[in-house]
């Protein structure tokens, strides 16, 4: 996509550097992040004891993101 930015939102397992889920979009929107997190939860299954760290951009501080 020449001349346009792409935004990558990814969840990586820091134990084995496995990419758990990701989503690429042309705009940094909450929909992109919510999709990525829901896909990760489906992939992992059990979420008890997991820690999700982010770079604290505005998308990751939204109530809808935290509720997921």
N, C-alpha and C. Protein backbone atom coordinates (compact mmCIF):
# COMPACT_ATOMS: atom_id res chain seq x y z
N UNK A 1 0.84 -1.17 0.00
CA UNK A 1 0.00 0.00 0.00
C UNK A 1 0.89 1.23 0.00
N UNK A 2 1.31 1.60 -1.15
CA UNK A 2 2.27 2.69 -1.31
C UNK A 2 1.70 4.02 -0.87
N UNK A 3 2.46 4.74 -0.05
CA UNK A 3 2.07 6.05 0.40
C UNK A 3 1.08 6.09 1.54
N UNK A 4 0.71 4.91 2.07
CA UNK A 4 -0.25 4.86 3.18
C UNK A 4 0.39 4.16 4.37
N UNK A 5 -0.05 4.53 5.55
CA UNK A 5 0.41 3.87 6.76
C UNK A 5 -0.44 2.65 7.05
N UNK A 6 0.16 1.65 7.63
CA UNK A 6 -0.56 0.50 8.15
C UNK A 6 -0.25 0.39 9.64
N UNK A 7 -1.24 -0.02 10.41
CA UNK A 7 -1.09 -0.13 11.85
C UNK A 7 -1.24 -1.58 12.26
N UNK A 8 -0.26 -2.07 12.99
CA UNK A 8 -0.24 -3.46 13.45
C UNK A 8 -0.51 -3.49 14.94
N UNK A 9 -1.48 -4.29 15.32
CA UNK A 9 -1.75 -4.55 16.72
C UNK A 9 -1.55 -6.05 16.91
N UNK A 10 -0.64 -6.42 17.82
CA UNK A 10 -0.30 -7.83 17.97
C UNK A 10 -0.17 -8.21 19.44
N UNK A 11 -0.44 -9.47 19.71
CA UNK A 11 -0.18 -10.05 21.03
C UNK A 11 0.85 -11.14 20.83
N UNK A 12 1.96 -11.02 21.56
CA UNK A 12 3.07 -11.96 21.45
C UNK A 12 3.29 -12.61 22.81
N UNK A 13 3.42 -13.93 22.81
CA UNK A 13 3.75 -14.66 24.03
C UNK A 13 5.24 -14.46 24.28
N UNK A 14 5.59 -13.79 25.37
CA UNK A 14 6.98 -13.49 25.64
C UNK A 14 7.77 -14.71 26.13
N UNK A 15 7.08 -15.81 26.45
CA UNK A 15 7.78 -17.02 26.85
C UNK A 15 8.48 -17.67 25.66
N UNK A 16 7.73 -17.81 24.57
CA UNK A 16 8.31 -18.48 23.39
C UNK A 16 8.28 -17.62 22.13
N UNK A 17 7.96 -16.35 22.25
CA UNK A 17 7.91 -15.36 21.17
C UNK A 17 6.94 -15.78 20.06
N UNK A 18 5.90 -16.49 20.44
CA UNK A 18 4.86 -16.89 19.49
C UNK A 18 3.87 -15.74 19.32
N UNK A 19 3.49 -15.47 18.10
CA UNK A 19 2.44 -14.48 17.83
C UNK A 19 1.11 -15.16 18.09
N UNK A 20 0.39 -14.66 19.09
CA UNK A 20 -0.89 -15.25 19.48
C UNK A 20 -2.00 -14.75 18.57
N UNK A 21 -2.01 -13.45 18.32
CA UNK A 21 -2.99 -12.87 17.40
C UNK A 21 -2.48 -11.52 16.91
N UNK A 22 -3.04 -11.08 15.80
CA UNK A 22 -2.68 -9.76 15.26
C UNK A 22 -3.78 -9.27 14.35
N UNK A 23 -3.76 -7.98 14.14
CA UNK A 23 -4.70 -7.35 13.21
C UNK A 23 -4.01 -6.14 12.60
N UNK A 24 -4.10 -6.00 11.31
CA UNK A 24 -3.54 -4.87 10.58
C UNK A 24 -4.70 -4.04 10.05
N UNK A 25 -4.58 -2.73 10.16
CA UNK A 25 -5.61 -1.86 9.60
C UNK A 25 -4.96 -0.58 9.07
N UNK A 26 -5.72 0.16 8.30
CA UNK A 26 -5.21 1.41 7.74
C UNK A 26 -5.34 2.57 8.71
N UNK A 27 -6.12 2.40 9.76
CA UNK A 27 -6.31 3.43 10.77
C UNK A 27 -6.19 2.80 12.15
N UNK A 28 -5.63 3.52 13.13
CA UNK A 28 -5.56 2.98 14.49
C UNK A 28 -6.91 3.15 15.19
N UNK A 29 -7.75 2.16 15.07
CA UNK A 29 -9.11 2.25 15.61
C UNK A 29 -9.34 1.19 16.68
N UNK A 30 -10.27 1.46 17.57
CA UNK A 30 -10.59 0.54 18.66
C UNK A 30 -11.07 -0.81 18.13
N UNK A 31 -11.78 -0.81 17.04
CA UNK A 31 -12.29 -2.05 16.44
C UNK A 31 -11.13 -3.02 16.14
N UNK A 32 -10.03 -2.51 15.67
CA UNK A 32 -8.84 -3.32 15.37
C UNK A 32 -8.32 -3.99 16.64
N UNK A 33 -8.19 -3.23 17.71
CA UNK A 33 -7.64 -3.75 18.96
C UNK A 33 -8.60 -4.76 19.59
N UNK A 34 -9.89 -4.47 19.59
CA UNK A 34 -10.87 -5.39 20.17
C UNK A 34 -10.85 -6.72 19.42
N UNK A 35 -10.78 -6.67 18.10
CA UNK A 35 -10.71 -7.90 17.31
C UNK A 35 -9.48 -8.72 17.68
N UNK A 36 -8.34 -8.06 17.81
CA UNK A 36 -7.08 -8.73 18.12
C UNK A 36 -7.15 -9.41 19.48
N UNK A 37 -7.70 -8.73 20.48
CA UNK A 37 -7.80 -9.31 21.82
C UNK A 37 -8.78 -10.48 21.85
N UNK A 38 -9.93 -10.32 21.23
CA UNK A 38 -10.91 -11.41 21.20
C UNK A 38 -10.34 -12.64 20.49
N UNK A 39 -9.60 -12.44 19.41
CA UNK A 39 -8.96 -13.54 18.69
C UNK A 39 -7.94 -14.23 19.59
N UNK A 40 -7.20 -13.48 20.37
CA UNK A 40 -6.20 -14.06 21.28
C UNK A 40 -6.88 -14.89 22.37
N UNK A 41 -7.96 -14.37 22.94
CA UNK A 41 -8.68 -15.10 23.98
C UNK A 41 -9.23 -16.41 23.43
N UNK A 42 -9.75 -16.39 22.22
CA UNK A 42 -10.23 -17.62 21.59
C UNK A 42 -9.09 -18.60 21.38
N UNK A 43 -7.94 -18.11 20.96
CA UNK A 43 -6.77 -18.96 20.70
C UNK A 43 -6.24 -19.58 21.99
N UNK A 44 -6.15 -18.78 23.05
CA UNK A 44 -5.56 -19.24 24.31
C UNK A 44 -6.54 -20.09 25.10
N UNK A 45 -7.80 -19.68 25.12
CA UNK A 45 -8.80 -20.41 25.89
C UNK A 45 -8.85 -19.94 27.33
N UNK A 46 -7.99 -20.45 28.15
CA UNK A 46 -7.95 -20.10 29.57
C UNK A 46 -7.15 -18.80 29.76
N UNK A 47 -7.76 -17.82 30.41
CA UNK A 47 -7.08 -16.54 30.57
C UNK A 47 -6.71 -16.24 32.02
N UNK A 48 -7.03 -17.12 32.95
CA UNK A 48 -6.66 -16.88 34.36
C UNK A 48 -5.15 -16.78 34.50
N UNK A 49 -4.71 -15.72 35.17
CA UNK A 49 -3.29 -15.54 35.43
C UNK A 49 -2.49 -14.92 34.30
N UNK A 50 -3.14 -14.62 33.18
CA UNK A 50 -2.42 -13.99 32.07
C UNK A 50 -2.25 -12.50 32.32
N UNK A 51 -1.15 -11.96 31.85
CA UNK A 51 -0.90 -10.52 31.93
C UNK A 51 -0.79 -9.99 30.51
N UNK A 52 -1.55 -8.96 30.22
CA UNK A 52 -1.52 -8.33 28.90
C UNK A 52 -0.90 -6.96 29.06
N UNK A 53 0.26 -6.75 28.48
CA UNK A 53 0.97 -5.47 28.57
C UNK A 53 0.82 -4.74 27.24
N UNK A 54 0.61 -3.44 27.30
CA UNK A 54 0.50 -2.65 26.08
C UNK A 54 1.37 -1.41 26.20
N UNK A 55 1.51 -0.71 25.09
CA UNK A 55 2.30 0.52 25.08
C UNK A 55 1.51 1.72 25.57
N UNK A 56 0.31 1.50 26.05
CA UNK A 56 -0.55 2.53 26.64
C UNK A 56 -0.99 3.61 25.66
N UNK A 57 -1.06 3.32 24.39
CA UNK A 57 -1.66 4.28 23.47
C UNK A 57 -3.13 4.43 23.82
N UNK A 58 -3.77 5.44 23.33
CA UNK A 58 -5.15 5.74 23.71
C UNK A 58 -6.09 4.57 23.47
N UNK A 59 -5.82 3.77 22.44
CA UNK A 59 -6.70 2.63 22.16
C UNK A 59 -6.74 1.64 23.32
N UNK A 60 -5.62 1.48 23.98
CA UNK A 60 -5.50 0.48 25.02
C UNK A 60 -5.98 0.99 26.38
N UNK A 61 -6.41 2.22 26.44
CA UNK A 61 -6.96 2.77 27.68
C UNK A 61 -8.47 2.88 27.63
N UNK A 62 -9.08 2.47 26.54
CA UNK A 62 -10.52 2.57 26.38
C UNK A 62 -11.23 1.54 27.26
N UNK A 63 -12.37 1.92 27.78
CA UNK A 63 -13.16 1.03 28.66
C UNK A 63 -13.54 -0.25 27.93
N UNK A 64 -13.92 -0.15 26.68
CA UNK A 64 -14.32 -1.33 25.91
C UNK A 64 -13.17 -2.33 25.79
N UNK A 65 -11.95 -1.83 25.65
CA UNK A 65 -10.76 -2.69 25.59
C UNK A 65 -10.53 -3.37 26.93
N UNK A 66 -10.60 -2.61 28.01
CA UNK A 66 -10.37 -3.17 29.34
C UNK A 66 -11.42 -4.20 29.71
N UNK A 67 -12.65 -4.02 29.24
CA UNK A 67 -13.72 -4.97 29.56
C UNK A 67 -13.53 -6.32 28.89
N UNK A 68 -12.87 -6.34 27.78
CA UNK A 68 -12.61 -7.62 27.08
C UNK A 68 -11.73 -8.48 27.94
